[in-house]
Amino acid sequence: MKVSVSFLGTSNFYKTIESINKSTADYIHVDVADGLLVNNRTPFDKTMLDALKKSKKKKEVHLMTLHLKKFIEVFSYIKPEYIIYEFEATTKHKEIIKYIKEQNCKVGIAISPLTKLEALEPYLKKIDQVLVMSIIPGYGGQKFLKDTPERIKKIIELREKCKANFMVNVDGGINKESMECLKDIPLDRVASGSYIWKSVNFDERIKILKSR
């Protein structure tokens, strides 16, 4: 299992990015919120985008935004491996999936705790990742929702049913305690933010997550 580190909520973007780059993290998880789809808003400027583009780590961009094509165009600049969008952000899924692939990126769909899993079925063979949100999207530092393991199991069942090949990633409230709830589930990746960047030793926290 791999670990992706989010910097959402950090007060020192550049120091956190530097620390992630020096760590054993597998990915940088780039959360992007527009204040419309979710209440929070994450400001970015060209200097921040340049720092992400130059990062040694692979990137996955998580768009919690409306106006998806605009944000896909902007954040494809940092050369992410994955661009993930919220399922509820659009009804034009085939168009958005195609547009992300045209940017030479893999496609992920993020599902909130309220997303109806059956609605995903038409798109599961077209995407590369399902990001299961174990909190309400938009803010870091929230507590892990206890029904998340069952939702993940259902996603894995859907993957088998549809004969799809997407990876399963979990984001929200990921720490030592929540990983105990996930220890028997075959996950591909988890995304963790404040649990890691609030620590003085990123690698120690990453090791704890990987050793579930």
N, C-alpha and C. Protein backbone atom coordinates (compact mmCIF):
# COMPACT_ATOMS: atom_id res chain seq x y z
N MET A 1 0.83 -1.19 0.00
CA MET A 1 0.00 0.00 0.00
C MET A 1 0.87 1.26 0.00
N LYS A 2 0.42 2.26 -0.74
CA LYS A 2 1.17 3.51 -0.84
C LYS A 2 0.49 4.62 -0.04
N VAL A 3 1.29 5.64 0.30
CA VAL A 3 0.79 6.76 1.09
C VAL A 3 0.99 8.05 0.32
N SER A 4 -0.10 8.81 0.22
CA SER A 4 -0.09 10.12 -0.42
C SER A 4 -0.29 11.16 0.68
N VAL A 5 0.52 12.20 0.68
CA VAL A 5 0.46 13.19 1.76
C VAL A 5 -0.16 14.49 1.26
N SER A 6 -1.21 14.92 1.94
CA SER A 6 -1.88 16.19 1.63
C SER A 6 -1.31 17.29 2.51
N PHE A 7 -1.20 18.49 1.94
CA PHE A 7 -0.75 19.66 2.71
C PHE A 7 -1.91 20.56 3.10
N LEU A 8 -3.16 20.09 2.88
CA LEU A 8 -4.34 20.89 3.18
C LEU A 8 -4.35 21.31 4.65
N GLY A 9 -4.42 22.61 4.88
CA GLY A 9 -4.48 23.14 6.24
C GLY A 9 -3.16 23.60 6.80
N THR A 10 -2.05 23.27 6.14
CA THR A 10 -0.76 23.70 6.65
C THR A 10 -0.60 25.21 6.54
N SER A 11 0.10 25.80 7.49
CA SER A 11 0.33 27.24 7.47
C SER A 11 1.63 27.59 6.75
N ASN A 12 2.42 26.57 6.41
CA ASN A 12 3.69 26.82 5.72
C ASN A 12 3.80 25.88 4.53
N PHE A 13 3.22 26.28 3.42
CA PHE A 13 3.15 25.45 2.22
C PHE A 13 4.53 24.97 1.79
N TYR A 14 5.48 25.88 1.65
CA TYR A 14 6.78 25.53 1.08
C TYR A 14 7.58 24.60 1.98
N LYS A 15 7.52 24.83 3.29
CA LYS A 15 8.22 23.94 4.22
C LYS A 15 7.61 22.54 4.20
N THR A 16 6.27 22.48 4.12
CA THR A 16 5.59 21.19 4.09
C THR A 16 5.93 20.43 2.83
N ILE A 17 5.92 21.11 1.68
CA ILE A 17 6.28 20.46 0.42
C ILE A 17 7.71 19.95 0.47
N GLU A 18 8.60 20.74 1.03
CA GLU A 18 10.01 20.32 1.16
C GLU A 18 10.11 19.06 2.03
N SER A 19 9.35 19.04 3.12
CA SER A 19 9.38 17.89 4.02
C SER A 19 8.80 16.64 3.36
N ILE A 20 7.73 16.82 2.58
CA ILE A 20 7.16 15.67 1.86
C ILE A 20 8.18 15.13 0.86
N ASN A 21 8.85 16.03 0.16
CA ASN A 21 9.85 15.61 -0.83
C ASN A 21 11.00 14.83 -0.20
N LYS A 22 11.33 15.16 1.03
CA LYS A 22 12.43 14.48 1.72
C LYS A 22 11.98 13.19 2.40
N SER A 23 10.68 12.96 2.43
CA SER A 23 10.13 11.82 3.16
C SER A 23 10.01 10.59 2.27
N THR A 24 9.48 9.52 2.86
CA THR A 24 9.24 8.28 2.12
C THR A 24 7.83 8.24 1.52
N ALA A 25 7.14 9.37 1.51
CA ALA A 25 5.81 9.43 0.88
C ALA A 25 5.90 9.01 -0.58
N ASP A 26 4.85 8.40 -1.07
CA ASP A 26 4.81 7.97 -2.47
C ASP A 26 4.24 9.05 -3.39
N TYR A 27 3.33 9.86 -2.86
CA TYR A 27 2.67 10.90 -3.65
C TYR A 27 2.47 12.16 -2.81
N ILE A 28 2.32 13.29 -3.50
CA ILE A 28 1.76 14.49 -2.90
C ILE A 28 0.30 14.56 -3.33
N HIS A 29 -0.59 14.70 -2.37
CA HIS A 29 -2.02 14.80 -2.63
C HIS A 29 -2.38 16.28 -2.65
N VAL A 30 -2.74 16.79 -3.82
CA VAL A 30 -2.98 18.23 -3.99
C VAL A 30 -4.48 18.48 -3.94
N ASP A 31 -4.96 18.96 -2.79
CA ASP A 31 -6.38 19.27 -2.63
C ASP A 31 -6.68 20.66 -3.19
N VAL A 32 -7.70 20.74 -4.02
CA VAL A 32 -8.09 22.01 -4.65
C VAL A 32 -9.58 22.24 -4.40
N ALA A 33 -9.91 23.28 -3.64
CA ALA A 33 -11.30 23.60 -3.33
C ALA A 33 -11.61 25.01 -3.80
N ASP A 34 -12.80 25.18 -4.38
CA ASP A 34 -13.14 26.47 -4.99
C ASP A 34 -14.10 27.32 -4.17
N GLY A 35 -14.57 26.80 -3.03
CA GLY A 35 -15.52 27.56 -2.23
C GLY A 35 -16.94 27.50 -2.77
N LEU A 36 -17.15 26.76 -3.85
CA LEU A 36 -18.47 26.63 -4.45
C LEU A 36 -19.03 25.22 -4.26
N LEU A 37 -18.27 24.24 -4.71
CA LEU A 37 -18.70 22.85 -4.51
C LEU A 37 -18.62 22.47 -3.04
N VAL A 38 -17.57 22.96 -2.37
CA VAL A 38 -17.41 22.78 -0.92
C VAL A 38 -17.22 24.16 -0.31
N ASN A 39 -17.38 24.26 1.01
CA ASN A 39 -17.32 25.58 1.65
C ASN A 39 -15.92 26.15 1.72
N ASN A 40 -14.93 25.29 1.80
CA ASN A 40 -13.56 25.75 1.91
C ASN A 40 -13.02 26.21 0.55
N ARG A 41 -11.99 27.05 0.58
CA ARG A 41 -11.32 27.49 -0.64
C ARG A 41 -9.82 27.42 -0.43
N THR A 42 -9.11 26.84 -1.38
CA THR A 42 -7.66 26.70 -1.26
C THR A 42 -6.98 27.61 -2.29
N PRO A 43 -6.35 28.68 -1.86
CA PRO A 43 -5.70 29.60 -2.80
C PRO A 43 -4.39 29.03 -3.34
N PHE A 44 -4.17 29.19 -4.64
CA PHE A 44 -2.91 28.81 -5.27
C PHE A 44 -2.44 29.98 -6.12
N ASP A 45 -1.11 30.14 -6.20
CA ASP A 45 -0.55 31.11 -7.14
C ASP A 45 0.49 30.40 -8.00
N LYS A 46 1.05 31.13 -8.95
CA LYS A 46 1.98 30.53 -9.91
C LYS A 46 3.21 29.96 -9.20
N THR A 47 3.69 30.65 -8.17
CA THR A 47 4.88 30.18 -7.45
C THR A 47 4.62 28.85 -6.77
N MET A 48 3.42 28.69 -6.21
CA MET A 48 3.06 27.43 -5.57
C MET A 48 2.94 26.32 -6.61
N LEU A 49 2.34 26.64 -7.75
CA LEU A 49 2.23 25.64 -8.81
C LEU A 49 3.60 25.23 -9.32
N ASP A 50 4.52 26.18 -9.44
CA ASP A 50 5.88 25.86 -9.88
C ASP A 50 6.57 24.93 -8.89
N ALA A 51 6.36 25.19 -7.59
CA ALA A 51 6.97 24.34 -6.56
C ALA A 51 6.45 22.91 -6.67
N LEU A 52 5.16 22.77 -6.93
CA LEU A 52 4.58 21.44 -7.09
C LEU A 52 5.08 20.77 -8.37
N LYS A 53 5.18 21.54 -9.43
CA LYS A 53 5.65 20.99 -10.70
C LYS A 53 7.07 20.44 -10.56
N LYS A 54 7.91 21.14 -9.78
CA LYS A 54 9.30 20.75 -9.62
C LYS A 54 9.48 19.64 -8.58
N SER A 55 8.42 19.29 -7.89
CA SER A 55 8.51 18.29 -6.83
C SER A 55 9.05 16.96 -7.36
N LYS A 56 9.86 16.30 -6.54
CA LYS A 56 10.40 14.99 -6.90
C LYS A 56 9.34 13.89 -6.78
N LYS A 57 8.31 14.15 -6.01
CA LYS A 57 7.28 13.15 -5.78
C LYS A 57 6.23 13.18 -6.89
N LYS A 58 5.62 12.02 -7.12
CA LYS A 58 4.46 11.98 -8.00
C LYS A 58 3.32 12.77 -7.36
N LYS A 59 2.42 13.28 -8.19
CA LYS A 59 1.31 14.06 -7.68
C LYS A 59 -0.03 13.47 -8.09
N GLU A 60 -1.01 13.62 -7.21
CA GLU A 60 -2.40 13.38 -7.56
C GLU A 60 -3.19 14.62 -7.14
N VAL A 61 -3.99 15.14 -8.06
CA VAL A 61 -4.76 16.36 -7.82
C VAL A 61 -6.20 15.97 -7.53
N HIS A 62 -6.72 16.46 -6.44
CA HIS A 62 -8.10 16.17 -6.02
C HIS A 62 -8.91 17.46 -6.15
N LEU A 63 -9.74 17.52 -7.18
CA LEU A 63 -10.53 18.72 -7.46
C LEU A 63 -11.87 18.65 -6.74
N MET A 64 -12.05 19.54 -5.77
CA MET A 64 -13.34 19.71 -5.10
C MET A 64 -13.91 21.03 -5.62
N THR A 65 -14.23 21.03 -6.91
CA THR A 65 -14.55 22.27 -7.61
C THR A 65 -15.67 22.06 -8.63
N LEU A 66 -16.32 23.17 -8.98
CA LEU A 66 -17.14 23.24 -10.17
C LEU A 66 -16.24 23.74 -11.30
N HIS A 67 -16.78 24.01 -12.48
CA HIS A 67 -15.98 24.49 -13.61
C HIS A 67 -14.75 23.59 -13.80
N LEU A 68 -15.01 22.31 -13.91
CA LEU A 68 -13.93 21.32 -13.88
C LEU A 68 -12.89 21.52 -14.98
N LYS A 69 -13.31 21.81 -16.19
CA LYS A 69 -12.34 21.92 -17.29
C LYS A 69 -11.31 23.01 -17.01
N LYS A 70 -11.76 24.11 -16.43
CA LYS A 70 -10.84 25.20 -16.09
C LYS A 70 -9.78 24.72 -15.10
N PHE A 71 -10.21 24.03 -14.06
CA PHE A 71 -9.26 23.57 -13.04
C PHE A 71 -8.38 22.44 -13.55
N ILE A 72 -8.94 21.59 -14.40
CA ILE A 72 -8.13 20.52 -15.01
C ILE A 72 -7.02 21.12 -15.84
N GLU A 73 -7.34 22.15 -16.59
CA GLU A 73 -6.34 22.82 -17.42
C GLU A 73 -5.24 23.45 -16.57
N VAL A 74 -5.65 24.14 -15.51
CA VAL A 74 -4.67 24.82 -14.64
C VAL A 74 -3.76 23.80 -13.97
N PHE A 75 -4.32 22.75 -13.38
CA PHE A 75 -3.52 21.85 -12.56
C PHE A 75 -2.82 20.75 -13.36
N SER A 76 -3.16 20.62 -14.63
CA SER A 76 -2.36 19.73 -15.48
C SER A 76 -0.95 20.30 -15.67
N TYR A 77 -0.79 21.59 -15.38
CA TYR A 77 0.52 22.26 -15.47
C TYR A 77 1.55 21.61 -14.55
N ILE A 78 1.12 21.08 -13.40
CA ILE A 78 2.09 20.52 -12.45
C ILE A 78 2.44 19.07 -12.78
N LYS A 79 1.91 18.56 -13.89
CA LYS A 79 2.21 17.21 -14.37
C LYS A 79 1.84 16.12 -13.35
N PRO A 80 0.58 16.09 -12.93
CA PRO A 80 0.17 15.04 -12.00
C PRO A 80 0.00 13.71 -12.70
N GLU A 81 0.15 12.64 -11.96
CA GLU A 81 -0.15 11.32 -12.53
C GLU A 81 -1.66 11.12 -12.60
N TYR A 82 -2.36 11.60 -11.56
CA TYR A 82 -3.81 11.46 -11.49
C TYR A 82 -4.47 12.83 -11.33
N ILE A 83 -5.60 13.02 -11.98
CA ILE A 83 -6.52 14.11 -11.65
C ILE A 83 -7.83 13.45 -11.23
N ILE A 84 -8.26 13.79 -10.02
CA ILE A 84 -9.45 13.20 -9.41
C ILE A 84 -10.49 14.29 -9.27
N TYR A 85 -11.73 14.00 -9.64
CA TYR A 85 -12.79 14.99 -9.46
C TYR A 85 -13.94 14.39 -8.65
N GLU A 86 -14.69 15.27 -8.01
CA GLU A 86 -15.83 14.83 -7.20
C GLU A 86 -16.99 14.40 -8.10
N PHE A 87 -17.57 13.27 -7.81
CA PHE A 87 -18.65 12.72 -8.63
C PHE A 87 -19.79 13.72 -8.79
N GLU A 88 -20.12 14.43 -7.72
CA GLU A 88 -21.26 15.36 -7.75
C GLU A 88 -20.95 16.67 -8.47
N ALA A 89 -19.72 16.84 -8.94
CA ALA A 89 -19.35 18.11 -9.59
C ALA A 89 -19.86 18.22 -11.02
N THR A 90 -20.32 17.11 -11.60
CA THR A 90 -20.73 17.15 -13.00
C THR A 90 -21.75 16.04 -13.29
N THR A 91 -22.48 16.22 -14.36
CA THR A 91 -23.30 15.14 -14.90
C THR A 91 -22.71 14.64 -16.22
N LYS A 92 -21.64 15.30 -16.68
CA LYS A 92 -21.02 14.97 -17.97
C LYS A 92 -19.74 14.17 -17.74
N HIS A 93 -19.90 13.00 -17.14
CA HIS A 93 -18.74 12.22 -16.72
C HIS A 93 -17.89 11.74 -17.89
N LYS A 94 -18.49 11.27 -18.94
CA LYS A 94 -17.72 10.79 -20.09
C LYS A 94 -16.88 11.91 -20.69
N GLU A 95 -17.45 13.10 -20.74
CA GLU A 95 -16.73 14.26 -21.29
C GLU A 95 -15.55 14.63 -20.40
N ILE A 96 -15.76 14.64 -19.09
CA ILE A 96 -14.69 15.02 -18.15
C ILE A 96 -13.60 13.95 -18.13
N ILE A 97 -13.98 12.70 -18.14
CA ILE A 97 -12.99 11.61 -18.17
C ILE A 97 -12.12 11.73 -19.42
N LYS A 98 -12.74 11.96 -20.54
CA LYS A 98 -12.02 12.12 -21.80
C LYS A 98 -11.08 13.32 -21.74
N TYR A 99 -11.55 14.43 -21.15
CA TYR A 99 -10.74 15.65 -21.09
C TYR A 99 -9.50 15.46 -20.21
N ILE A 100 -9.67 14.76 -19.11
CA ILE A 100 -8.52 14.49 -18.23
C ILE A 100 -7.50 13.62 -18.96
N LYS A 101 -7.96 12.60 -19.66
CA LYS A 101 -7.05 11.73 -20.39
C LYS A 101 -6.31 12.49 -21.50
N GLU A 102 -6.96 13.50 -22.06
CA GLU A 102 -6.31 14.31 -23.09
C GLU A 102 -5.16 15.14 -22.52
N GLN A 103 -5.14 15.31 -21.20
CA GLN A 103 -4.03 16.02 -20.54
C GLN A 103 -2.90 15.05 -20.16
N ASN A 104 -3.00 13.82 -20.65
CA ASN A 104 -2.02 12.76 -20.34
C ASN A 104 -1.99 12.43 -18.85
N CYS A 105 -3.16 12.44 -18.24
CA CYS A 105 -3.29 12.09 -16.82
C CYS A 105 -4.24 10.91 -16.66
N LYS A 106 -4.02 10.14 -15.61
CA LYS A 106 -4.97 9.11 -15.23
C LYS A 106 -6.16 9.76 -14.53
N VAL A 107 -7.29 9.06 -14.53
CA VAL A 107 -8.54 9.65 -14.05
C VAL A 107 -9.00 8.99 -12.75
N GLY A 108 -9.38 9.83 -11.80
CA GLY A 108 -9.99 9.34 -10.57
C GLY A 108 -11.31 10.02 -10.32
N ILE A 109 -12.23 9.29 -9.70
CA ILE A 109 -13.48 9.88 -9.24
C ILE A 109 -13.53 9.75 -7.72
N ALA A 110 -13.81 10.88 -7.06
CA ALA A 110 -13.95 10.89 -5.61
C ALA A 110 -15.42 10.78 -5.24
N ILE A 111 -15.69 9.94 -4.26
CA ILE A 111 -17.06 9.78 -3.80
C ILE A 111 -17.18 10.23 -2.35
N SER A 112 -18.18 11.04 -2.07
CA SER A 112 -18.42 11.52 -0.72
C SER A 112 -19.18 10.46 0.07
N PRO A 113 -19.34 10.64 1.38
CA PRO A 113 -20.12 9.68 2.16
C PRO A 113 -21.58 9.58 1.71
N LEU A 114 -22.05 10.53 0.91
CA LEU A 114 -23.45 10.54 0.47
C LEU A 114 -23.63 10.06 -0.97
N THR A 115 -22.54 9.79 -1.67
CA THR A 115 -22.64 9.35 -3.07
C THR A 115 -23.27 7.96 -3.15
N LYS A 116 -24.24 7.80 -4.05
CA LYS A 116 -24.83 6.48 -4.28
C LYS A 116 -23.87 5.66 -5.14
N LEU A 117 -23.38 4.57 -4.61
CA LEU A 117 -22.34 3.80 -5.27
C LEU A 117 -22.79 3.24 -6.62
N GLU A 118 -24.05 2.90 -6.73
CA GLU A 118 -24.56 2.33 -7.98
C GLU A 118 -24.44 3.31 -9.15
N ALA A 119 -24.45 4.60 -8.83
CA ALA A 119 -24.35 5.62 -9.88
C ALA A 119 -22.99 5.61 -10.57
N LEU A 120 -22.00 5.01 -9.92
CA LEU A 120 -20.64 4.95 -10.48
C LEU A 120 -20.49 3.90 -11.58
N GLU A 121 -21.34 2.90 -11.58
CA GLU A 121 -21.14 1.72 -12.41
C GLU A 121 -20.84 2.00 -13.88
N PRO A 122 -21.54 2.95 -14.53
CA PRO A 122 -21.27 3.16 -15.96
C PRO A 122 -19.86 3.65 -16.27
N TYR A 123 -19.14 4.11 -15.24
CA TYR A 123 -17.84 4.77 -15.49
C TYR A 123 -16.65 3.99 -14.94
N LEU A 124 -16.91 2.92 -14.21
CA LEU A 124 -15.84 2.25 -13.48
C LEU A 124 -14.78 1.62 -14.39
N LYS A 125 -15.15 1.20 -15.58
CA LYS A 125 -14.17 0.60 -16.50
C LYS A 125 -13.39 1.66 -17.27
N LYS A 126 -13.79 2.93 -17.11
CA LYS A 126 -13.15 4.02 -17.84
C LYS A 126 -12.14 4.78 -16.99
N ILE A 127 -12.10 4.50 -15.67
CA ILE A 127 -11.27 5.29 -14.76
C ILE A 127 -10.17 4.45 -14.14
N ASP A 128 -9.23 5.14 -13.48
CA ASP A 128 -8.05 4.48 -12.92
C ASP A 128 -8.03 4.46 -11.40
N GLN A 129 -8.92 5.26 -10.78
CA GLN A 129 -8.91 5.35 -9.32
C GLN A 129 -10.30 5.75 -8.82
N VAL A 130 -10.71 5.15 -7.70
CA VAL A 130 -11.84 5.65 -6.92
C VAL A 130 -11.28 6.13 -5.59
N LEU A 131 -11.51 7.40 -5.30
CA LEU A 131 -11.08 7.98 -4.04
C LEU A 131 -12.28 8.01 -3.10
N VAL A 132 -12.22 7.18 -2.08
CA VAL A 132 -13.32 7.09 -1.12
C VAL A 132 -13.10 8.13 -0.02
N MET A 133 -13.98 9.10 0.05
CA MET A 133 -13.88 10.12 1.09
C MET A 133 -14.49 9.59 2.38
N SER A 134 -13.69 9.56 3.43
CA SER A 134 -14.17 9.08 4.73
C SER A 134 -14.54 10.23 5.65
N ILE A 135 -14.66 11.42 5.06
CA ILE A 135 -15.14 12.63 5.74
C ILE A 135 -15.99 13.40 4.72
N ILE A 136 -16.61 14.48 5.15
CA ILE A 136 -17.29 15.38 4.23
C ILE A 136 -16.21 16.21 3.54
N PRO A 137 -16.12 16.20 2.21
CA PRO A 137 -15.01 16.87 1.51
C PRO A 137 -14.93 18.38 1.78
N GLY A 138 -13.68 18.87 1.82
CA GLY A 138 -13.46 20.30 1.90
C GLY A 138 -12.50 20.77 2.96
N TYR A 139 -12.49 20.12 4.11
CA TYR A 139 -11.64 20.55 5.21
C TYR A 139 -10.79 19.40 5.72
N GLY A 140 -9.55 19.71 6.12
CA GLY A 140 -8.69 18.72 6.74
C GLY A 140 -8.96 18.62 8.23
N GLY A 141 -8.45 17.57 8.85
CA GLY A 141 -8.53 17.43 10.30
C GLY A 141 -9.85 16.86 10.81
N GLN A 142 -10.74 16.40 9.92
CA GLN A 142 -12.01 15.83 10.36
C GLN A 142 -11.81 14.38 10.84
N LYS A 143 -12.80 13.90 11.58
CA LYS A 143 -12.75 12.54 12.09
C LYS A 143 -13.25 11.54 11.05
N PHE A 144 -12.62 10.41 11.02
CA PHE A 144 -12.93 9.31 10.11
C PHE A 144 -14.33 8.77 10.40
N LEU A 145 -15.16 8.66 9.35
CA LEU A 145 -16.52 8.15 9.51
C LEU A 145 -16.51 6.61 9.57
N LYS A 146 -17.19 6.09 10.57
CA LYS A 146 -17.07 4.66 10.90
C LYS A 146 -17.68 3.73 9.86
N ASP A 147 -18.58 4.23 9.00
CA ASP A 147 -19.16 3.35 7.99
C ASP A 147 -18.30 3.24 6.74
N THR A 148 -17.14 3.90 6.75
CA THR A 148 -16.26 3.89 5.59
C THR A 148 -15.81 2.49 5.19
N PRO A 149 -15.38 1.62 6.11
CA PRO A 149 -14.93 0.29 5.69
C PRO A 149 -15.98 -0.47 4.87
N GLU A 150 -17.25 -0.37 5.25
CA GLU A 150 -18.29 -1.08 4.52
C GLU A 150 -18.46 -0.50 3.11
N ARG A 151 -18.33 0.82 2.98
CA ARG A 151 -18.43 1.45 1.66
C ARG A 151 -17.26 1.00 0.77
N ILE A 152 -16.09 0.87 1.35
CA ILE A 152 -14.93 0.43 0.58
C ILE A 152 -15.14 -1.01 0.10
N LYS A 153 -15.65 -1.86 0.98
CA LYS A 153 -15.92 -3.25 0.60
C LYS A 153 -16.91 -3.31 -0.57
N LYS A 154 -17.91 -2.44 -0.55
CA LYS A 154 -18.90 -2.41 -1.64
C LYS A 154 -18.27 -1.94 -2.94
N ILE A 155 -17.34 -0.97 -2.84
CA ILE A 155 -16.62 -0.51 -4.03
C ILE A 155 -15.79 -1.64 -4.63
N ILE A 156 -15.13 -2.40 -3.78
CA ILE A 156 -14.32 -3.53 -4.25
C ILE A 156 -15.22 -4.59 -4.90
N GLU A 157 -16.39 -4.80 -4.32
CA GLU A 157 -17.36 -5.74 -4.92
C GLU A 157 -17.81 -5.25 -6.30
N LEU A 158 -18.04 -3.94 -6.42
CA LEU A 158 -18.42 -3.36 -7.71
C LEU A 158 -17.31 -3.53 -8.73
N ARG A 159 -16.07 -3.37 -8.28
CA ARG A 159 -14.92 -3.55 -9.18
C ARG A 159 -14.91 -4.96 -9.76
N GLU A 160 -15.17 -5.93 -8.91
CA GLU A 160 -15.21 -7.32 -9.37
C GLU A 160 -16.40 -7.56 -10.29
N LYS A 161 -17.54 -7.02 -9.91
CA LYS A 161 -18.76 -7.18 -10.71
C LYS A 161 -18.59 -6.60 -12.11
N CYS A 162 -17.97 -5.42 -12.19
CA CYS A 162 -17.81 -4.73 -13.48
C CYS A 162 -16.55 -5.16 -14.24
N LYS A 163 -15.74 -6.01 -13.60
CA LYS A 163 -14.46 -6.43 -14.17
C LYS A 163 -13.61 -5.21 -14.54
N ALA A 164 -13.55 -4.27 -13.60
CA ALA A 164 -12.78 -3.04 -13.78
C ALA A 164 -11.41 -3.18 -13.12
N ASN A 165 -10.54 -2.21 -13.37
CA ASN A 165 -9.15 -2.30 -12.88
C ASN A 165 -8.71 -1.08 -12.07
N PHE A 166 -9.66 -0.27 -11.63
CA PHE A 166 -9.28 0.94 -10.89
C PHE A 166 -8.68 0.59 -9.52
N MET A 167 -7.81 1.48 -9.03
CA MET A 167 -7.26 1.34 -7.69
C MET A 167 -8.18 2.04 -6.70
N VAL A 168 -8.09 1.63 -5.43
CA VAL A 168 -8.91 2.21 -4.37
C VAL A 168 -8.03 3.00 -3.41
N ASN A 169 -8.39 4.26 -3.26
CA ASN A 169 -7.67 5.20 -2.39
C ASN A 169 -8.67 5.70 -1.35
N VAL A 170 -8.22 5.96 -0.14
CA VAL A 170 -9.09 6.47 0.93
C VAL A 170 -8.50 7.76 1.48
N ASP A 171 -9.36 8.75 1.67
CA ASP A 171 -8.92 10.08 2.08
C ASP A 171 -9.85 10.63 3.15
N GLY A 172 -9.27 11.12 4.26
CA GLY A 172 -10.05 11.78 5.29
C GLY A 172 -9.90 11.14 6.65
N GLY A 173 -9.30 11.87 7.59
CA GLY A 173 -9.17 11.35 8.94
C GLY A 173 -8.26 10.14 9.04
N ILE A 174 -7.31 10.03 8.11
CA ILE A 174 -6.43 8.86 8.10
C ILE A 174 -5.31 9.04 9.12
N ASN A 175 -5.29 8.16 10.11
CA ASN A 175 -4.26 8.17 11.15
C ASN A 175 -4.11 6.74 11.70
N LYS A 176 -3.37 6.58 12.75
CA LYS A 176 -3.12 5.24 13.30
C LYS A 176 -4.42 4.56 13.70
N GLU A 177 -5.34 5.31 14.32
CA GLU A 177 -6.58 4.72 14.81
C GLU A 177 -7.50 4.30 13.66
N SER A 178 -7.66 5.18 12.67
CA SER A 178 -8.56 4.83 11.56
C SER A 178 -8.00 3.69 10.72
N MET A 179 -6.68 3.58 10.64
CA MET A 179 -6.09 2.47 9.89
C MET A 179 -6.41 1.12 10.54
N GLU A 180 -6.64 1.13 11.83
CA GLU A 180 -7.05 -0.10 12.50
C GLU A 180 -8.39 -0.59 11.95
N CYS A 181 -9.26 0.37 11.60
CA CYS A 181 -10.57 0.02 11.04
C CYS A 181 -10.45 -0.54 9.62
N LEU A 182 -9.31 -0.26 8.98
CA LEU A 182 -9.12 -0.63 7.58
C LEU A 182 -8.13 -1.79 7.40
N LYS A 183 -7.68 -2.37 8.50
CA LYS A 183 -6.55 -3.31 8.43
C LYS A 183 -6.84 -4.57 7.62
N ASP A 184 -8.12 -4.94 7.51
CA ASP A 184 -8.45 -6.17 6.79
C ASP A 184 -8.93 -5.91 5.36
N ILE A 185 -8.81 -4.66 4.91
CA ILE A 185 -9.31 -4.30 3.58
C ILE A 185 -8.12 -4.10 2.64
N PRO A 186 -8.13 -4.71 1.46
CA PRO A 186 -7.00 -4.59 0.52
C PRO A 186 -6.99 -3.25 -0.21
N LEU A 187 -6.41 -2.25 0.43
CA LEU A 187 -6.34 -0.91 -0.15
C LEU A 187 -5.09 -0.76 -1.01
N ASP A 188 -5.17 0.12 -2.00
CA ASP A 188 -4.00 0.43 -2.82
C ASP A 188 -3.25 1.64 -2.29
N ARG A 189 -4.01 2.60 -1.70
CA ARG A 189 -3.38 3.84 -1.25
C ARG A 189 -4.26 4.52 -0.22
N VAL A 190 -3.63 5.29 0.66
CA VAL A 190 -4.37 6.20 1.53
C VAL A 190 -3.76 7.58 1.41
N ALA A 191 -4.61 8.60 1.59
CA ALA A 191 -4.15 9.98 1.60
C ALA A 191 -4.31 10.52 3.02
N SER A 192 -3.23 11.08 3.54
CA SER A 192 -3.25 11.58 4.91
C SER A 192 -2.63 12.97 4.95
N GLY A 193 -3.23 13.84 5.74
CA GLY A 193 -2.76 15.22 5.80
C GLY A 193 -2.16 15.59 7.14
N SER A 194 -2.98 16.18 8.03
CA SER A 194 -2.47 16.73 9.28
C SER A 194 -1.82 15.69 10.17
N TYR A 195 -2.24 14.45 10.10
CA TYR A 195 -1.59 13.39 10.89
C TYR A 195 -0.11 13.32 10.58
N ILE A 196 0.24 13.61 9.33
CA ILE A 196 1.65 13.56 8.92
C ILE A 196 2.31 14.92 9.04
N TRP A 197 1.69 15.98 8.46
CA TRP A 197 2.44 17.25 8.43
C TRP A 197 2.52 17.96 9.78
N LYS A 198 1.70 17.54 10.75
CA LYS A 198 1.82 18.09 12.11
C LYS A 198 2.92 17.39 12.90
N SER A 199 3.45 16.31 12.36
CA SER A 199 4.48 15.54 13.05
C SER A 199 5.87 16.10 12.75
N VAL A 200 6.79 15.93 13.67
CA VAL A 200 8.17 16.32 13.43
C VAL A 200 8.91 15.25 12.64
N ASN A 201 8.30 14.07 12.52
CA ASN A 201 8.93 12.96 11.81
C ASN A 201 7.92 12.37 10.83
N PHE A 202 7.94 12.86 9.59
CA PHE A 202 7.00 12.39 8.58
C PHE A 202 7.15 10.89 8.34
N ASP A 203 8.39 10.41 8.26
CA ASP A 203 8.63 9.00 7.91
C ASP A 203 8.09 8.06 8.98
N GLU A 204 8.14 8.48 10.23
CA GLU A 204 7.62 7.64 11.31
C GLU A 204 6.12 7.45 11.15
N ARG A 205 5.42 8.55 10.84
CA ARG A 205 3.96 8.47 10.67
C ARG A 205 3.60 7.68 9.40
N ILE A 206 4.35 7.87 8.34
CA ILE A 206 4.10 7.12 7.11
C ILE A 206 4.29 5.63 7.35
N LYS A 207 5.33 5.27 8.11
CA LYS A 207 5.59 3.87 8.42
C LYS A 207 4.45 3.27 9.22
N ILE A 208 3.88 4.03 10.15
CA ILE A 208 2.75 3.55 10.94
C ILE A 208 1.57 3.23 10.02
N LEU A 209 1.30 4.12 9.05
CA LEU A 209 0.18 3.89 8.14
C LEU A 209 0.42 2.65 7.28
N LYS A 210 1.64 2.47 6.83
CA LYS A 210 1.94 1.34 5.95
C LYS A 210 1.98 0.02 6.68
N SER A 211 2.16 0.07 7.99
CA SER A 211 2.30 -1.18 8.75
C SER A 211 1.00 -1.63 9.40
N ARG A 212 -0.11 -1.17 8.87
CA ARG A 212 -1.44 -1.49 9.45
C ARG A 212 -1.65 -3.01 9.55
